Amino acid sequence: MSKLDPYELEILEAYESGKLKPGAGKAERERLRAAARATAIKDKRVNIRLSSMDLRDIQARALEEGMPYQTLIASVLHKYVTGKLSEKPSAHKGAKRRLPPPSG
Protein backbone atom coordinates (compact mmCIF):
# COMPACT_ATOMS: atom_id res chain seq x y z
CA MET A 1 0.00 0.00 0.00
CA SER A 2 1.22 3.52 -0.77
CA LYS A 3 2.28 5.85 1.99
CA LEU A 4 -0.58 8.04 3.15
CA ASP A 5 -0.20 11.75 3.81
CA PRO A 6 -1.62 13.24 7.04
CA TYR A 7 -4.91 14.24 5.38
CA GLU A 8 -5.40 10.74 3.93
CA LEU A 9 -4.63 9.21 7.34
CA GLU A 10 -7.26 11.49 8.90
CA ILE A 11 -9.84 10.32 6.37
CA LEU A 12 -8.92 6.66 6.90
CA GLU A 13 -9.19 7.00 10.68
CA ALA A 14 -12.60 8.73 10.36
CA TYR A 15 -13.81 5.95 8.06
CA GLU A 16 -12.55 3.16 10.29
CA SER A 17 -14.07 4.72 13.42
CA GLY A 18 -17.47 5.10 11.74
CA LYS A 19 -17.42 8.90 11.79
CA LEU A 20 -17.41 9.14 8.00
CA LYS A 21 -20.85 8.72 6.44
CA PRO A 22 -21.70 8.56 2.74
CA GLY A 23 -23.09 11.86 1.46
CA ALA A 24 -24.40 10.65 -1.88
CA GLY A 25 -27.46 8.53 -2.46
CA LYS A 26 -27.42 5.25 -4.36
CA ALA A 27 -28.13 6.89 -7.75
CA GLU A 28 -25.37 9.48 -7.25
CA ARG A 29 -22.85 6.80 -6.22
CA GLU A 30 -23.68 4.78 -9.34
CA ARG A 31 -23.31 7.87 -11.54
CA LEU A 32 -19.89 8.56 -9.99
CA ARG A 33 -18.84 4.91 -10.42
CA ALA A 34 -19.83 5.02 -14.10
CA ALA A 35 -17.85 8.25 -14.60
CA ALA A 36 -14.79 6.71 -12.91
CA ARG A 37 -15.02 3.58 -15.08
CA ALA A 38 -15.30 5.69 -18.25
CA THR A 39 -12.29 7.76 -17.22
CA ALA A 40 -10.20 4.66 -16.55
CA ILE A 41 -10.82 3.02 -19.94
CA LYS A 42 -7.57 2.70 -21.83
CA ASP A 43 -8.47 2.08 -25.44
CA LYS A 44 -5.34 3.26 -27.27
CA ARG A 45 -1.83 1.89 -27.40
CA VAL A 46 1.21 4.15 -27.66
CA ASN A 47 4.81 3.11 -28.22
CA ILE A 48 7.57 5.42 -27.00
CA ARG A 49 11.33 5.22 -26.81
CA LEU A 50 13.02 6.10 -23.52
CA SER A 51 16.61 6.18 -22.43
CA SER A 52 17.69 3.17 -20.39
CA MET A 53 18.35 5.44 -17.41
CA ASP A 54 14.88 7.03 -17.58
CA LEU A 55 13.20 3.63 -17.84
CA ARG A 56 15.22 2.28 -14.92
CA ASP A 57 14.33 5.33 -12.81
CA ILE A 58 10.65 5.06 -13.73
CA GLN A 59 10.64 1.37 -12.84
CA ALA A 60 12.31 2.13 -9.49
CA ARG A 61 9.78 4.87 -8.72
CA ALA A 62 6.89 2.58 -9.69
CA LEU A 63 8.26 -0.09 -7.37
CA GLU A 64 8.34 2.47 -4.53
CA GLU A 65 4.71 3.36 -5.29
CA GLY A 66 3.67 -0.29 -5.56
CA MET A 67 2.39 -0.16 -9.11
CA PRO A 68 3.43 -1.35 -12.58
CA TYR A 69 5.69 1.12 -14.37
CA GLN A 70 3.28 1.41 -17.32
CA THR A 71 0.55 2.50 -14.89
CA LEU A 72 2.87 5.12 -13.43
CA ILE A 73 3.68 6.48 -16.90
CA ALA A 74 -0.03 6.63 -17.81
CA SER A 75 -0.82 8.35 -14.50
CA VAL A 76 1.85 11.01 -15.00
CA LEU A 77 0.66 11.69 -18.54
CA HIS A 78 -2.96 11.90 -17.38
CA LYS A 79 -2.05 14.36 -14.64
CA TYR A 80 -0.09 16.44 -17.17
CA VAL A 81 -2.90 16.71 -19.72
CA THR A 82 -5.49 17.53 -17.04
CA GLY A 83 -3.29 20.24 -15.50
CA LYS A 84 -2.89 18.37 -12.20
CA LEU A 85 0.85 17.75 -12.48
CA SER A 86 2.85 19.94 -10.14
CA GLU A 87 6.61 19.98 -9.76
CA LYS A 88 7.94 18.77 -6.43
CA PRO A 89 11.47 18.27 -5.16
CA SER A 90 12.88 14.87 -6.05
CA ALA A 91 12.49 12.10 -3.48
CA HIS A 92 16.02 11.07 -4.42
CA LYS A 93 17.77 14.03 -2.82
CA GLY A 94 21.35 14.32 -3.84
CA ALA A 95 21.07 11.48 -6.33
CA LYS A 96 22.92 12.34 -9.49
CA ARG A 97 22.54 10.61 -12.78
CA ARG A 98 25.63 9.42 -14.53
CA LEU A 99 26.27 10.95 -17.90
CA PRO A 100 27.09 8.60 -20.73
CA PRO A 101 30.70 8.65 -21.92
CA PRO A 102 31.41 11.16 -24.67
CA SER A 103 30.97 9.71 -28.13
CA GLY A 104 33.66 9.80 -30.72
PDB file of N, CA and C in Angstrom:
ATOM      1  N   MET A   1       0.832  -1.179   0.000  1.00  0.00           N
ATOM      2  CA  MET A   1       0.000   0.000   0.000  1.00  0.00           C
ATOM      3  C   MET A   1       0.878   1.244   0.000  1.00  0.00           C
ATOM      4  N   SER A   2       0.469   2.272  -0.704  1.00  0.00           N
ATOM      5  CA  SER A   2       1.223   3.517  -0.774  1.00  0.00           C
ATOM      6  C   SER A   2       1.243   4.197   0.584  1.00  0.00           C
ATOM      7  N   LYS A   3       2.223   5.063   0.766  1.00  0.00           N
ATOM      8  CA  LYS A   3       2.275   5.850   1.992  1.00  0.00           C
ATOM      9  C   LYS A   3       1.165   6.886   1.949  1.00  0.00           C
ATOM     10  N   LEU A   4       0.498   7.078   3.071  1.00  0.00           N
ATOM     11  CA  LEU A   4      -0.582   8.044   3.149  1.00  0.00           C
ATOM     12  C   LEU A   4      -0.086   9.341   3.768  1.00  0.00           C
ATOM     13  N   ASP A   5      -0.564  10.463   3.218  1.00  0.00           N
ATOM     14  CA  ASP A   5      -0.198  11.747   3.812  1.00  0.00           C
ATOM     15  C   ASP A   5      -1.108  11.990   5.021  1.00  0.00           C
ATOM     16  N   PRO A   6      -0.828  13.019   5.824  1.00  0.00           N
ATOM     17  CA  PRO A   6      -1.623  13.243   7.044  1.00  0.00           C
ATOM     18  C   PRO A   6      -3.128  13.394   6.776  1.00  0.00           C
ATOM     19  N   TYR A   7      -3.497  14.065   5.705  1.00  0.00           N
ATOM     20  CA  TYR A   7      -4.913  14.239   5.375  1.00  0.00           C
ATOM     21  C   TYR A   7      -5.566  12.896   5.055  1.00  0.00           C
ATOM     22  N   GLU A   8      -4.869  12.067   4.272  1.00  0.00           N
ATOM     23  CA  GLU A   8      -5.395  10.741   3.933  1.00  0.00           C
ATOM     24  C   GLU A   8      -5.529   9.872   5.178  1.00  0.00           C
ATOM     25  N   LEU A   9      -4.559   9.966   6.084  1.00  0.00           N
ATOM     26  CA  LEU A   9      -4.634   9.214   7.341  1.00  0.00           C
ATOM     27  C   LEU A   9      -5.841   9.659   8.167  1.00  0.00           C
ATOM     28  N   GLU A  10      -6.105  10.964   8.176  1.00  0.00           N
ATOM     29  CA  GLU A  10      -7.260  11.492   8.905  1.00  0.00           C
ATOM     30  C   GLU A  10      -8.563  10.922   8.340  1.00  0.00           C
ATOM     31  N   ILE A  11      -8.653  10.870   7.019  1.00  0.00           N
ATOM     32  CA  ILE A  11      -9.845  10.316   6.367  1.00  0.00           C
ATOM     33  C   ILE A  11      -9.989   8.831   6.698  1.00  0.00           C
ATOM     34  N   LEU A  12      -8.883   8.088   6.601  1.00  0.00           N
ATOM     35  CA  LEU A  12      -8.918   6.660   6.896  1.00  0.00           C
ATOM     36  C   LEU A  12      -9.359   6.406   8.338  1.00  0.00           C
ATOM     37  N   GLU A  13      -8.813   7.173   9.274  1.00  0.00           N
ATOM     38  CA  GLU A  13      -9.192   7.002  10.679  1.00  0.00           C
ATOM     39  C   GLU A  13     -10.674   7.315  10.894  1.00  0.00           C
ATOM     40  N   ALA A  14     -11.172   8.374  10.240  1.00  0.00           N
ATOM     41  CA  ALA A  14     -12.596   8.733  10.361  1.00  0.00           C
ATOM     42  C   ALA A  14     -13.471   7.621   9.791  1.00  0.00           C
ATOM     43  N   TYR A  15     -13.059   7.045   8.671  1.00  0.00           N
ATOM     44  CA  TYR A  15     -13.814   5.950   8.055  1.00  0.00           C
ATOM     45  C   TYR A  15     -13.828   4.732   8.970  1.00  0.00           C
ATOM     46  N   GLU A  16     -12.652   4.352   9.456  1.00  0.00           N
ATOM     47  CA  GLU A  16     -12.554   3.156  10.287  1.00  0.00           C
ATOM     48  C   GLU A  16     -13.277   3.302  11.623  1.00  0.00           C
ATOM     49  N   SER A  17     -13.388   4.517  12.138  1.00  0.00           N
ATOM     50  CA  SER A  17     -14.074   4.722  13.417  1.00  0.00           C
ATOM     51  C   SER A  17     -15.579   4.912  13.242  1.00  0.00           C
ATOM     52  N   GLY A  18     -16.046   4.952  11.993  1.00  0.00           N
ATOM     53  CA  GLY A  18     -17.471   5.098  11.735  1.00  0.00           C
ATOM     54  C   GLY A  18     -17.959   6.531  11.710  1.00  0.00           C
ATOM     55  N   LYS A  19     -17.031   7.485  11.796  1.00  0.00           N
ATOM     56  CA  LYS A  19     -17.420   8.902  11.785  1.00  0.00           C
ATOM     57  C   LYS A  19     -17.731   9.408  10.385  1.00  0.00           C
ATOM     58  N   LEU A  20     -17.227   8.721   9.391  1.00  0.00           N
ATOM     59  CA  LEU A  20     -17.408   9.144   8.002  1.00  0.00           C
ATOM     60  C   LEU A  20     -18.642   8.467   7.437  1.00  0.00           C
ATOM     61  N   LYS A  21     -19.600   9.243   6.990  1.00  0.00           N
ATOM     62  CA  LYS A  21     -20.850   8.718   6.443  1.00  0.00           C
ATOM     63  C   LYS A  21     -20.969   9.104   4.975  1.00  0.00           C
ATOM     64  N   PRO A  22     -21.530   8.228   4.144  1.00  0.00           N
ATOM     65  CA  PRO A  22     -21.696   8.563   2.736  1.00  0.00           C
ATOM     66  C   PRO A  22     -22.632   9.758   2.578  1.00  0.00           C
ATOM     67  N   GLY A  23     -22.275  10.673   1.680  1.00  0.00           N
ATOM     68  CA  GLY A  23     -23.087  11.858   1.455  1.00  0.00           C
ATOM     69  C   GLY A  23     -23.969  11.723   0.228  1.00  0.00           C
ATOM     70  N   ALA A  24     -23.640  10.807  -0.646  1.00  0.00           N
ATOM     71  CA  ALA A  24     -24.400  10.649  -1.883  1.00  0.00           C
ATOM     72  C   ALA A  24     -25.369   9.479  -1.758  1.00  0.00           C
ATOM     73  N   GLY A  25     -26.502   9.623  -2.423  1.00  0.00           N
ATOM     74  CA  GLY A  25     -27.457   8.530  -2.462  1.00  0.00           C
ATOM     75  C   GLY A  25     -27.001   7.452  -3.428  1.00  0.00           C
ATOM     76  N   LYS A  26     -27.775   6.383  -3.511  1.00  0.00           N
ATOM     77  CA  LYS A  26     -27.420   5.249  -4.361  1.00  0.00           C
ATOM     78  C   LYS A  26     -27.273   5.655  -5.823  1.00  0.00           C
ATOM     79  N   ALA A  27     -28.184   6.462  -6.340  1.00  0.00           N
ATOM     80  CA  ALA A  27     -28.133   6.889  -7.749  1.00  0.00           C
ATOM     81  C   ALA A  27     -26.887   7.735  -8.022  1.00  0.00           C
ATOM     82  N   GLU A  28     -26.554   8.625  -7.089  1.00  0.00           N
ATOM     83  CA  GLU A  28     -25.372   9.485  -7.254  1.00  0.00           C
ATOM     84  C   GLU A  28     -24.088   8.647  -7.208  1.00  0.00           C
ATOM     85  N   ARG A  29     -24.032   7.673  -6.294  1.00  0.00           N
ATOM     86  CA  ARG A  29     -22.852   6.804  -6.224  1.00  0.00           C
ATOM     87  C   ARG A  29     -22.677   6.028  -7.520  1.00  0.00           C
ATOM     88  N   GLU A  30     -23.768   5.527  -8.084  1.00  0.00           N
ATOM     89  CA  GLU A  30     -23.676   4.777  -9.338  1.00  0.00           C
ATOM     90  C   GLU A  30     -23.236   5.681 -10.485  1.00  0.00           C
ATOM     91  N   ARG A  31     -23.729   6.918 -10.503  1.00  0.00           N
ATOM     92  CA  ARG A  31     -23.306   7.873 -11.541  1.00  0.00           C
ATOM     93  C   ARG A  31     -21.808   8.142 -11.427  1.00  0.00           C
ATOM     94  N   LEU A  32     -21.323   8.314 -10.206  1.00  0.00           N
ATOM     95  CA  LEU A  32     -19.889   8.561  -9.993  1.00  0.00           C
ATOM     96  C   LEU A  32     -19.053   7.337 -10.368  1.00  0.00           C
ATOM     97  N   ARG A  33     -19.548   6.135 -10.034  1.00  0.00           N
ATOM     98  CA  ARG A  33     -18.839   4.909 -10.423  1.00  0.00           C
ATOM     99  C   ARG A  33     -18.725   4.804 -11.939  1.00  0.00           C
ATOM    100  N   ALA A  34     -19.824   5.094 -12.641  1.00  0.00           N
ATOM    101  CA  ALA A  34     -19.826   5.024 -14.104  1.00  0.00           C
ATOM    102  C   ALA A  34     -18.838   6.029 -14.692  1.00  0.00           C
ATOM    103  N   ALA A  35     -18.789   7.225 -14.118  1.00  0.00           N
ATOM    104  CA  ALA A  35     -17.850   8.247 -14.601  1.00  0.00           C
ATOM    105  C   ALA A  35     -16.404   7.800 -14.359  1.00  0.00           C
ATOM    106  N   ALA A  36     -16.141   7.192 -13.212  1.00  0.00           N
ATOM    107  CA  ALA A  36     -14.794   6.706 -12.906  1.00  0.00           C
ATOM    108  C   ALA A  36     -14.389   5.599 -13.864  1.00  0.00           C
ATOM    109  N   ARG A  37     -15.332   4.668 -14.137  1.00  0.00           N
ATOM    110  CA  ARG A  37     -15.025   3.585 -15.084  1.00  0.00           C
ATOM    111  C   ARG A  37     -14.714   4.141 -16.466  1.00  0.00           C
ATOM    112  N   ALA A  38     -15.504   5.104 -16.923  1.00  0.00           N
ATOM    113  CA  ALA A  38     -15.302   5.687 -18.250  1.00  0.00           C
ATOM    114  C   ALA A  38     -13.965   6.402 -18.331  1.00  0.00           C
ATOM    115  N   THR A  39     -13.559   7.052 -17.248  1.00  0.00           N
ATOM    116  CA  THR A  39     -12.286   7.763 -17.220  1.00  0.00           C
ATOM    117  C   THR A  39     -11.118   6.786 -17.265  1.00  0.00           C
ATOM    118  N   ALA A  40     -11.290   5.623 -16.671  1.00  0.00           N
ATOM    119  CA  ALA A  40     -10.202   4.665 -16.549  1.00  0.00           C
ATOM    120  C   ALA A  40     -10.021   3.790 -17.784  1.00  0.00           C
ATOM    121  N   ILE A  41     -10.925   3.873 -18.759  1.00  0.00           N
ATOM    122  CA  ILE A  41     -10.821   3.021 -19.940  1.00  0.00           C
ATOM    123  C   ILE A  41      -9.595   3.423 -20.750  1.00  0.00           C
ATOM    124  N   LYS A  42      -8.762   2.458 -21.008  1.00  0.00           N
ATOM    125  CA  LYS A  42      -7.567   2.695 -21.825  1.00  0.00           C
ATOM    126  C   LYS A  42      -7.774   1.958 -23.138  1.00  0.00           C
ATOM    127  N   ASP A  43      -8.117   2.717 -24.173  1.00  0.00           N
ATOM    128  CA  ASP A  43      -8.475   2.084 -25.436  1.00  0.00           C
ATOM    129  C   ASP A  43      -7.475   2.348 -26.560  1.00  0.00           C
ATOM    130  N   LYS A  44      -6.357   2.991 -26.256  1.00  0.00           N
ATOM    131  CA  LYS A  44      -5.341   3.262 -27.271  1.00  0.00           C
ATOM    132  C   LYS A  44      -3.979   2.800 -26.779  1.00  0.00           C
ATOM    133  N   ARG A  45      -3.190   2.331 -27.701  1.00  0.00           N
ATOM    134  CA  ARG A  45      -1.830   1.887 -27.400  1.00  0.00           C
ATOM    135  C   ARG A  45      -0.854   2.904 -27.984  1.00  0.00           C
ATOM    136  N   VAL A  46       0.189   3.212 -27.230  1.00  0.00           N
ATOM    137  CA  VAL A  46       1.210   4.151 -27.664  1.00  0.00           C
ATOM    138  C   VAL A  46       2.570   3.505 -27.422  1.00  0.00           C
ATOM    139  N   ASN A  47       3.440   3.605 -28.378  1.00  0.00           N
ATOM    140  CA  ASN A  47       4.812   3.112 -28.216  1.00  0.00           C
ATOM    141  C   ASN A  47       5.740   4.319 -28.141  1.00  0.00           C
ATOM    142  N   ILE A  48       6.607   4.330 -27.134  1.00  0.00           N
ATOM    143  CA  ILE A  48       7.572   5.418 -26.995  1.00  0.00           C
ATOM    144  C   ILE A  48       8.951   4.831 -26.763  1.00  0.00           C
ATOM    145  N   ARG A  49       9.945   5.616 -27.070  1.00  0.00           N
ATOM    146  CA  ARG A  49      11.327   5.216 -26.813  1.00  0.00           C
ATOM    147  C   ARG A  49      11.848   6.080 -25.675  1.00  0.00           C
ATOM    148  N   LEU A  50      12.460   5.421 -24.683  1.00  0.00           N
ATOM    149  CA  LEU A  50      13.022   6.102 -23.523  1.00  0.00           C
ATOM    150  C   LEU A  50      14.475   5.709 -23.378  1.00  0.00           C
ATOM    151  N   SER A  51      15.230   6.564 -22.731  1.00  0.00           N
ATOM    152  CA  SER A  51      16.609   6.181 -22.434  1.00  0.00           C
ATOM    153  C   SER A  51      16.580   5.071 -21.389  1.00  0.00           C
ATOM    154  N   SER A  52      17.608   4.257 -21.374  1.00  0.00           N
ATOM    155  CA  SER A  52      17.694   3.169 -20.389  1.00  0.00           C
ATOM    156  C   SER A  52      17.654   3.716 -18.968  1.00  0.00           C
ATOM    157  N   MET A  53      18.329   4.847 -18.754  1.00  0.00           N
ATOM    158  CA  MET A  53      18.350   5.438 -17.412  1.00  0.00           C
ATOM    159  C   MET A  53      16.955   5.908 -16.998  1.00  0.00           C
ATOM    160  N   ASP A  54      16.232   6.568 -17.915  1.00  0.00           N
ATOM    161  CA  ASP A  54      14.880   7.027 -17.577  1.00  0.00           C
ATOM    162  C   ASP A  54      13.972   5.844 -17.259  1.00  0.00           C
ATOM    163  N   LEU A  55      14.035   4.801 -18.077  1.00  0.00           N
ATOM    164  CA  LEU A  55      13.196   3.634 -17.837  1.00  0.00           C
ATOM    165  C   LEU A  55      13.531   2.994 -16.495  1.00  0.00           C
ATOM    166  N   ARG A  56      14.808   2.862 -16.196  1.00  0.00           N
ATOM    167  CA  ARG A  56      15.224   2.276 -14.915  1.00  0.00           C
ATOM    168  C   ARG A  56      14.707   3.119 -13.748  1.00  0.00           C
ATOM    169  N   ASP A  57      14.813   4.442 -13.871  1.00  0.00           N
ATOM    170  CA  ASP A  57      14.333   5.330 -12.806  1.00  0.00           C
ATOM    171  C   ASP A  57      12.816   5.256 -12.657  1.00  0.00           C
ATOM    172  N   ILE A  58      12.111   5.183 -13.779  1.00  0.00           N
ATOM    173  CA  ILE A  58      10.652   5.056 -13.734  1.00  0.00           C
ATOM    174  C   ILE A  58      10.261   3.738 -13.069  1.00  0.00           C
ATOM    175  N   GLN A  59      10.943   2.667 -13.430  1.00  0.00           N
ATOM    176  CA  GLN A  59      10.644   1.365 -12.839  1.00  0.00           C
ATOM    177  C   GLN A  59      10.913   1.383 -11.330  1.00  0.00           C
ATOM    178  N   ALA A  60      11.986   2.040 -10.920  1.00  0.00           N
ATOM    179  CA  ALA A  60      12.306   2.126  -9.488  1.00  0.00           C
ATOM    180  C   ALA A  60      11.241   2.934  -8.755  1.00  0.00           C
ATOM    181  N   ARG A  61      10.817   4.041  -9.352  1.00  0.00           N
ATOM    182  CA  ARG A  61       9.780   4.873  -8.717  1.00  0.00           C
ATOM    183  C   ARG A  61       8.460   4.103  -8.631  1.00  0.00           C
ATOM    184  N   ALA A  62       8.122   3.375  -9.691  1.00  0.00           N
ATOM    185  CA  ALA A  62       6.886   2.583  -9.690  1.00  0.00           C
ATOM    186  C   ALA A  62       6.932   1.517  -8.594  1.00  0.00           C
ATOM    187  N   LEU A  63       8.094   0.911  -8.422  1.00  0.00           N
ATOM    188  CA  LEU A  63       8.258  -0.091  -7.366  1.00  0.00           C
ATOM    189  C   LEU A  63       8.026   0.541  -5.995  1.00  0.00           C
ATOM    190  N   GLU A  64       8.558   1.757  -5.792  1.00  0.00           N
ATOM    191  CA  GLU A  64       8.342   2.474  -4.535  1.00  0.00           C
ATOM    192  C   GLU A  64       6.859   2.743  -4.303  1.00  0.00           C
ATOM    193  N   GLU A  65       6.145   3.043  -5.380  1.00  0.00           N
ATOM    194  CA  GLU A  65       4.714   3.362  -5.286  1.00  0.00           C
ATOM    195  C   GLU A  65       3.838   2.114  -5.267  1.00  0.00           C
ATOM    196  N   GLY A  66       4.426   0.951  -5.569  1.00  0.00           N
ATOM    197  CA  GLY A  66       3.670  -0.293  -5.555  1.00  0.00           C
ATOM    198  C   GLY A  66       2.749  -0.457  -6.745  1.00  0.00           C
ATOM    199  N   MET A  67       3.211  -0.032  -7.911  1.00  0.00           N
ATOM    200  CA  MET A  67       2.389  -0.156  -9.114  1.00  0.00           C
ATOM    201  C   MET A  67       3.265  -0.517 -10.309  1.00  0.00           C
ATOM    202  N   PRO A  68       2.667  -1.066 -11.368  1.00  0.00           N
ATOM    203  CA  PRO A  68       3.433  -1.352 -12.582  1.00  0.00           C
ATOM    204  C   PRO A  68       3.950  -0.044 -13.204  1.00  0.00           C
ATOM    205  N   TYR A  69       5.114  -0.103 -13.836  1.00  0.00           N
ATOM    206  CA  TYR A  69       5.692   1.124 -14.373  1.00  0.00           C
ATOM    207  C   TYR A  69       4.844   1.714 -15.491  1.00  0.00           C
ATOM    208  N   GLN A  70       4.142   0.876 -16.264  1.00  0.00           N
ATOM    209  CA  GLN A  70       3.277   1.406 -17.321  1.00  0.00           C
ATOM    210  C   GLN A  70       2.138   2.225 -16.714  1.00  0.00           C
ATOM    211  N   THR A  71       1.619   1.773 -15.577  1.00  0.00           N
ATOM    212  CA  THR A  71       0.552   2.500 -14.894  1.00  0.00           C
ATOM    213  C   THR A  71       1.065   3.847 -14.400  1.00  0.00           C
ATOM    214  N   LEU A  72       2.280   3.865 -13.887  1.00  0.00           N
ATOM    215  CA  LEU A  72       2.874   5.122 -13.426  1.00  0.00           C
ATOM    216  C   LEU A  72       3.022   6.103 -14.591  1.00  0.00           C
ATOM    217  N   ILE A  73       3.526   5.619 -15.722  1.00  0.00           N
ATOM    218  CA  ILE A  73       3.685   6.481 -16.898  1.00  0.00           C
ATOM    219  C   ILE A  73       2.329   7.041 -17.323  1.00  0.00           C
ATOM    220  N   ALA A  74       1.306   6.178 -17.411  1.00  0.00           N
ATOM    221  CA  ALA A  74      -0.034   6.628 -17.810  1.00  0.00           C
ATOM    222  C   ALA A  74      -0.582   7.646 -16.813  1.00  0.00           C
ATOM    223  N   SER A  75      -0.334   7.434 -15.531  1.00  0.00           N
ATOM    224  CA  SER A  75      -0.819   8.353 -14.498  1.00  0.00           C
ATOM    225  C   SER A  75      -0.162   9.721 -14.634  1.00  0.00           C
ATOM    226  N   VAL A  76       1.141   9.738 -14.847  1.00  0.00           N
ATOM    227  CA  VAL A  76       1.853  11.007 -15.004  1.00  0.00           C
ATOM    228  C   VAL A  76       1.352  11.756 -16.235  1.00  0.00           C
ATOM    229  N   LEU A  77       1.168  11.047 -17.334  1.00  0.00           N
ATOM    230  CA  LEU A  77       0.661  11.691 -18.541  1.00  0.00           C
ATOM    231  C   LEU A  77      -0.755  12.221 -18.330  1.00  0.00           C
ATOM    232  N   HIS A  78      -1.597  11.453 -17.649  1.00  0.00           N
ATOM    233  CA  HIS A  78      -2.962  11.903 -17.378  1.00  0.00           C
ATOM    234  C   HIS A  78      -2.950  13.171 -16.529  1.00  0.00           C
ATOM    235  N   LYS A  79      -2.139  13.179 -15.496  1.00  0.00           N
ATOM    236  CA  LYS A  79      -2.052  14.364 -14.645  1.00  0.00           C
ATOM    237  C   LYS A  79      -1.550  15.565 -15.442  1.00  0.00           C
ATOM    238  N   TYR A  80      -0.620  15.344 -16.351  1.00  0.00           N
ATOM    239  CA  TYR A  80      -0.090  16.443 -17.167  1.00  0.00           C
ATOM    240  C   TYR A  80      -1.176  17.038 -18.054  1.00  0.00           C
ATOM    241  N   VAL A  81      -1.901  16.194 -18.782  1.00  0.00           N
ATOM    242  CA  VAL A  81      -2.898  16.715 -19.723  1.00  0.00           C
ATOM    243  C   VAL A  81      -4.108  17.320 -19.020  1.00  0.00           C
ATOM    244  N   THR A  82      -4.365  16.947 -17.770  1.00  0.00           N
ATOM    245  CA  THR A  82      -5.487  17.525 -17.037  1.00  0.00           C
ATOM    246  C   THR A  82      -5.057  18.705 -16.169  1.00  0.00           C
ATOM    247  N   GLY A  83      -3.774  19.086 -16.251  1.00  0.00           N
ATOM    248  CA  GLY A  83      -3.292  20.239 -15.499  1.00  0.00           C
ATOM    249  C   GLY A  83      -3.088  19.978 -14.018  1.00  0.00           C
ATOM    250  N   LYS A  84      -3.033  18.718 -13.619  1.00  0.00           N
ATOM    251  CA  LYS A  84      -2.892  18.375 -12.199  1.00  0.00           C
ATOM    252  C   LYS A  84      -1.459  18.015 -11.817  1.00  0.00           C
ATOM    253  N   LEU A  85      -0.545  18.102 -12.758  1.00  0.00           N
ATOM    254  CA  LEU A  85       0.848  17.748 -12.480  1.00  0.00           C
ATOM    255  C   LEU A  85       1.558  18.973 -11.924  1.00  0.00           C
ATOM    256  N   SER A  86       2.095  18.835 -10.729  1.00  0.00           N
ATOM    257  CA  SER A  86       2.853  19.935 -10.142  1.00  0.00           C
ATOM    258  C   SER A  86       4.260  19.455  -9.829  1.00  0.00           C
ATOM    259  N   GLU A  87       5.207  20.341  -9.979  1.00  0.00           N
ATOM    260  CA  GLU A  87       6.606  19.983  -9.759  1.00  0.00           C
ATOM    261  C   GLU A  87       6.908  19.971  -8.269  1.00  0.00           C
ATOM    262  N   LYS A  88       7.541  18.900  -7.830  1.00  0.00           N
ATOM    263  CA  LYS A  88       7.936  18.769  -6.435  1.00  0.00           C
ATOM    264  C   LYS A  88       9.412  18.404  -6.397  1.00  0.00           C
ATOM    265  N   PRO A  89      10.072  18.683  -5.276  1.00  0.00           N
ATOM    266  CA  PRO A  89      11.470  18.266  -5.164  1.00  0.00           C
ATOM    267  C   PRO A  89      11.582  16.754  -5.287  1.00  0.00           C
ATOM    268  N   SER A  90      12.661  16.298  -5.852  1.00  0.00           N
ATOM    269  CA  SER A  90      12.878  14.872  -6.052  1.00  0.00           C
ATOM    270  C   SER A  90      12.972  14.148  -4.720  1.00  0.00           C
ATOM    271  N   ALA A  91      12.399  12.936  -4.678  1.00  0.00           N
ATOM    272  CA  ALA A  91      12.495  12.102  -3.479  1.00  0.00           C
ATOM    273  C   ALA A  91      13.912  11.555  -3.333  1.00  0.00           C
ATOM    274  N   HIS A  92      14.644  11.583  -4.412  1.00  0.00           N
ATOM    275  CA  HIS A  92      16.016  11.068  -4.417  1.00  0.00           C
ATOM    276  C   HIS A  92      16.976  12.231  -4.241  1.00  0.00           C
ATOM    277  N   LYS A  93      16.947  12.859  -3.084  1.00  0.00           N
ATOM    278  CA  LYS A  93      17.774  14.030  -2.818  1.00  0.00           C
ATOM    279  C   LYS A  93      19.241  13.673  -2.964  1.00  0.00           C
ATOM    280  N   GLY A  94      19.926  14.514  -3.676  1.00  0.00           N
ATOM    281  CA  GLY A  94      21.351  14.325  -3.841  1.00  0.00           C
ATOM    282  C   GLY A  94      21.737  13.259  -4.845  1.00  0.00           C
ATOM    283  N   ALA A  95      20.762  12.526  -5.350  1.00  0.00           N
ATOM    284  CA  ALA A  95      21.073  11.481  -6.329  1.00  0.00           C
ATOM    285  C   ALA A  95      21.399  12.146  -7.661  1.00  0.00           C
ATOM    286  N   LYS A  96      22.513  11.774  -8.208  1.00  0.00           N
ATOM    287  CA  LYS A  96      22.921  12.338  -9.489  1.00  0.00           C
ATOM    288  C   LYS A  96      22.960  11.233 -10.523  1.00  0.00           C
ATOM    289  N   ARG A  97      22.520  11.571 -11.701  1.00  0.00           N
ATOM    290  CA  ARG A  97      22.540  10.609 -12.775  1.00  0.00           C
ATOM    291  C   ARG A  97      23.912  10.634 -13.432  1.00  0.00           C
ATOM    292  N   ARG A  98      24.348   9.487 -13.831  1.00  0.00           N
ATOM    293  CA  ARG A  98      25.630   9.420 -14.526  1.00  0.00           C
ATOM    294  C   ARG A  98      25.431   9.774 -15.986  1.00  0.00           C
ATOM    295  N   LEU A  99      26.325  10.600 -16.486  1.00  0.00           N
ATOM    296  CA  LEU A  99      26.272  10.948 -17.897  1.00  0.00           C
ATOM    297  C   LEU A  99      26.936   9.853 -18.698  1.00  0.00           C
ATOM    298  N   PRO A 100      26.428   9.599 -19.896  1.00  0.00           N
ATOM    299  CA  PRO A 100      27.090   8.603 -20.732  1.00  0.00           C
ATOM    300  C   PRO A 100      28.458   9.113 -21.168  1.00  0.00           C
ATOM    301  N   PRO A 101      29.383   8.206 -21.476  1.00  0.00           N
ATOM    302  CA  PRO A 101      30.703   8.648 -21.916  1.00  0.00           C
ATOM    303  C   PRO A 101      30.583   9.421 -23.229  1.00  0.00           C
ATOM    304  N   PRO A 102      31.464  10.383 -23.437  1.00  0.00           N
ATOM    305  CA  PRO A 102      31.414  11.164 -24.674  1.00  0.00           C
ATOM    306  C   PRO A 102      31.592  10.242 -25.876  1.00  0.00           C
ATOM    307  N   SER A 103      30.843  10.522 -26.917  1.00  0.00           N
ATOM    308  CA  SER A 103      30.970   9.709 -28.130  1.00  0.00           C
ATOM    309  C   SER A 103      32.087  10.267 -28.996  1.00  0.00           C
ATOM    310  N   GLY A 104      32.668   9.370 -29.753  1.00  0.00           N
ATOM    311  CA  GLY A 104      33.663   9.805 -30.724  1.00  0.00           C
ATOM    312  C   GLY A 104      35.003   9.572 -30.329  1.00  0.00           C
TER     313      GLY A 104
END
